[in-house]
Structures are given as structure tokens and as C-alpha cells.
């Protein structure tokens, strides 16, 4: 979906294998798969959702998180792993 793709452009998208990464997912507030956790650049959980959500709910999560996110750093270089 082009709208969802546009909404995610400002984020790093990380896919977790819930059965393997369950402790991390739960630390972020995701308690069921599929799930979504939007984490700010400062490590703070901005929004979460557990279980299936539709397109409009996902877009609403991004919109709400955008209002809570700290300002982007001046550098646009991706952090090194």
C-alpha cells in the first residue's frame, strides 16, 4: 500500500521473529504476533499494537507516534550496527 509505505519512510523497520525475540517484543509492549512497536530514536516506546490491525489503524499509530517522537537528529546517516 503506497500510503503505508510513505508513512514508514521516516522509520527503520525491523522484523522480529516473535517466537525467538519474544522477550524484546514484550519489553516493547507487544504481547502477540503479529505486532507493531514504534520506538523513538531515544529508545522510548511511542506506540504499540498486538495482533492483527487494519491499514487505517496502522496509519493512525504512525500519525500518533509522529506527534510524540523527538525531533530527528541533524545527521541523516543511518546508525552503524
C-alpha atoms as a PDB file:
ATOM      1  CA  UNK A   1       0.000   0.000   0.000  1.00  0.00           C
ATOM      2  CA  UNK A   2       1.615   3.302  -1.094  1.00  0.00           C
ATOM      3  CA  UNK A   3       0.197   5.268   1.852  1.00  0.00           C
ATOM      4  CA  UNK A   4       1.636   2.834   4.391  1.00  0.00           C
ATOM      5  CA  UNK A   5       4.952   2.788   2.550  1.00  0.00           C
ATOM      6  CA  UNK A   6       5.093   6.599   2.707  1.00  0.00           C
ATOM      7  CA  UNK A   7       4.239   6.576   6.434  1.00  0.00           C
ATOM      8  CA  UNK A   8       7.125   4.195   7.166  1.00  0.00           C
ATOM      9  CA  UNK A   9       9.804   6.081   5.229  1.00  0.00           C
ATOM     10  CA  UNK A  10      10.946   8.044   8.289  1.00  0.00           C
ATOM     11  CA  UNK A  11      11.393   4.831  10.303  1.00  0.00           C
ATOM     12  CA  UNK A  12      13.781   1.897  10.401  1.00  0.00           C
ATOM     13  CA  UNK A  13      11.635  -1.196  10.024  1.00  0.00           C
ATOM     14  CA  UNK A  14      12.834  -4.238  11.940  1.00  0.00           C
ATOM     15  CA  UNK A  15      11.153  -7.602  11.641  1.00  0.00           C
ATOM     16  CA  UNK A  16      11.225  -9.736  14.782  1.00  0.00           C
ATOM     17  CA  UNK A  17      10.569 -13.454  14.912  1.00  0.00           C
ATOM     18  CA  UNK A  18       8.121 -13.335  17.808  1.00  0.00           C
ATOM     19  CA  UNK A  19       8.856 -16.911  18.917  1.00  0.00           C
ATOM     20  CA  UNK A  20      12.598 -16.084  19.081  1.00  0.00           C
ATOM     21  CA  UNK A  21      12.502 -12.388  20.045  1.00  0.00           C
ATOM     22  CA  UNK A  22       9.558 -12.650  22.470  1.00  0.00           C
ATOM     23  CA  UNK A  23      11.407 -11.057  25.459  1.00  0.00           C
ATOM     24  CA  UNK A  24      12.316  -7.998  23.362  1.00  0.00           C
ATOM     25  CA  UNK A  25       8.829  -7.776  21.862  1.00  0.00           C
ATOM     26  CA  UNK A  26       7.238  -7.960  25.306  1.00  0.00           C
ATOM     27  CA  UNK A  27       9.663  -5.343  26.657  1.00  0.00           C
ATOM     28  CA  UNK A  28       8.353  -3.083  23.907  1.00  0.00           C
ATOM     29  CA  UNK A  29       4.739  -3.927  24.833  1.00  0.00           C
ATOM     30  CA  UNK A  30       3.975  -6.360  22.006  1.00  0.00           C
ATOM     31  CA  UNK A  31       2.278  -9.401  23.540  1.00  0.00           C
ATOM     32  CA  UNK A  32       1.007 -11.238  20.469  1.00  0.00           C
ATOM     33  CA  UNK A  33       2.005 -11.742  16.850  1.00  0.00           C
ATOM     34  CA  UNK A  34       1.673 -10.017  14.526  1.00  0.00           C
ATOM     35  CA  UNK A  35       2.573  -6.891  16.427  1.00  0.00           C
ATOM     36  CA  UNK A  36       3.926  -3.409  15.909  1.00  0.00           C
ATOM     37  CA  UNK A  37       6.174  -1.333  18.167  1.00  0.00           C
ATOM     38  CA  UNK A  38       7.149   2.197  17.168  1.00  0.00           C
ATOM     39  CA  UNK A  39      10.309   3.132  19.053  1.00  0.00           C
ATOM     40  CA  UNK A  40      11.707   6.660  19.168  1.00  0.00           C
ATOM     41  CA  UNK A  41      15.347   7.439  18.433  1.00  0.00           C
ATOM     42  CA  UNK A  42      15.831   7.793  22.192  1.00  0.00           C
ATOM     43  CA  UNK A  43      14.634   4.195  22.747  1.00  0.00           C
ATOM     44  CA  UNK A  44      11.268   5.206  24.183  1.00  0.00           C
ATOM     45  CA  UNK A  45       8.245   3.178  23.084  1.00  0.00           C
ATOM     46  CA  UNK A  46       5.935   5.585  21.246  1.00  0.00           C
ATOM     47  CA  UNK A  47       3.123   3.238  20.208  1.00  0.00           C
ATOM     48  CA  UNK A  48       2.401  -0.483  20.223  1.00  0.00           C
ATOM     49  CA  UNK A  49      -0.207  -2.859  18.936  1.00  0.00           C
ATOM     50  CA  UNK A  50      -0.567  -6.617  19.371  1.00  0.00           C
ATOM     51  CA  UNK A  51      -2.435  -8.868  16.994  1.00  0.00           C
ATOM     52  CA  UNK A  52      -3.768  -8.113  13.547  1.00  0.00           C
ATOM     53  CA  UNK A  53      -4.606  -4.486  12.730  1.00  0.00           C
ATOM     54  CA  UNK A  54      -6.009  -2.995   9.578  1.00  0.00           C
ATOM     55  CA  UNK A  55      -4.402  -0.368   7.370  1.00  0.00           C
ATOM     56  CA  UNK A  56      -6.227   2.585   8.937  1.00  0.00           C
ATOM     57  CA  UNK A  57      -5.272   1.536  12.465  1.00  0.00           C
ATOM     58  CA  UNK A  58      -1.628   1.181  11.430  1.00  0.00           C
ATOM     59  CA  UNK A  59      -1.654   4.627   9.816  1.00  0.00           C
ATOM     60  CA  UNK A  60      -3.232   6.074  12.966  1.00  0.00           C
ATOM     61  CA  UNK A  61      -0.397   4.567  15.054  1.00  0.00           C
ATOM     62  CA  UNK A  62       2.193   6.262  12.839  1.00  0.00           C
ATOM     63  CA  UNK A  63       0.342   9.570  12.976  1.00  0.00           C
ATOM     64  CA  UNK A  64       0.113   9.447  16.763  1.00  0.00           C
ATOM     65  CA  UNK A  65       3.770   8.410  17.088  1.00  0.00           C
ATOM     66  CA  UNK A  66       4.856  11.255  14.796  1.00  0.00           C
ATOM     67  CA  UNK A  67       3.379  13.688  17.314  1.00  0.00           C
ATOM     68  CA  UNK A  68       5.275  12.041  20.184  1.00  0.00           C
ATOM     69  CA  UNK A  69       8.622  11.459  18.508  1.00  0.00           C
ATOM     70  CA  UNK A  70      11.591  13.626  19.442  1.00  0.00           C
ATOM     71  CA  UNK A  71      12.983  15.802  16.649  1.00  0.00           C
ATOM     72  CA  UNK A  72      15.114  13.957  14.118  1.00  0.00           C
ATOM     73  CA  UNK A  73      18.869  14.333  14.561  1.00  0.00           C
ATOM     74  CA  UNK A  74      20.657  16.723  12.226  1.00  0.00           C
ATOM     75  CA  UNK A  75      22.511  13.857  10.540  1.00  0.00           C
ATOM     76  CA  UNK A  76      20.556  11.666   8.131  1.00  0.00           C
ATOM     77  CA  UNK A  77      23.197   8.951   8.190  1.00  0.00           C
ATOM     78  CA  UNK A  78      21.889   5.603   9.380  1.00  0.00           C
ATOM     79  CA  UNK A  79      23.377   4.395  12.663  1.00  0.00           C
ATOM     80  CA  UNK A  80      26.039   1.711  12.367  1.00  0.00           C
ATOM     81  CA  UNK A  81      25.124  -1.708  13.773  1.00  0.00           C
END
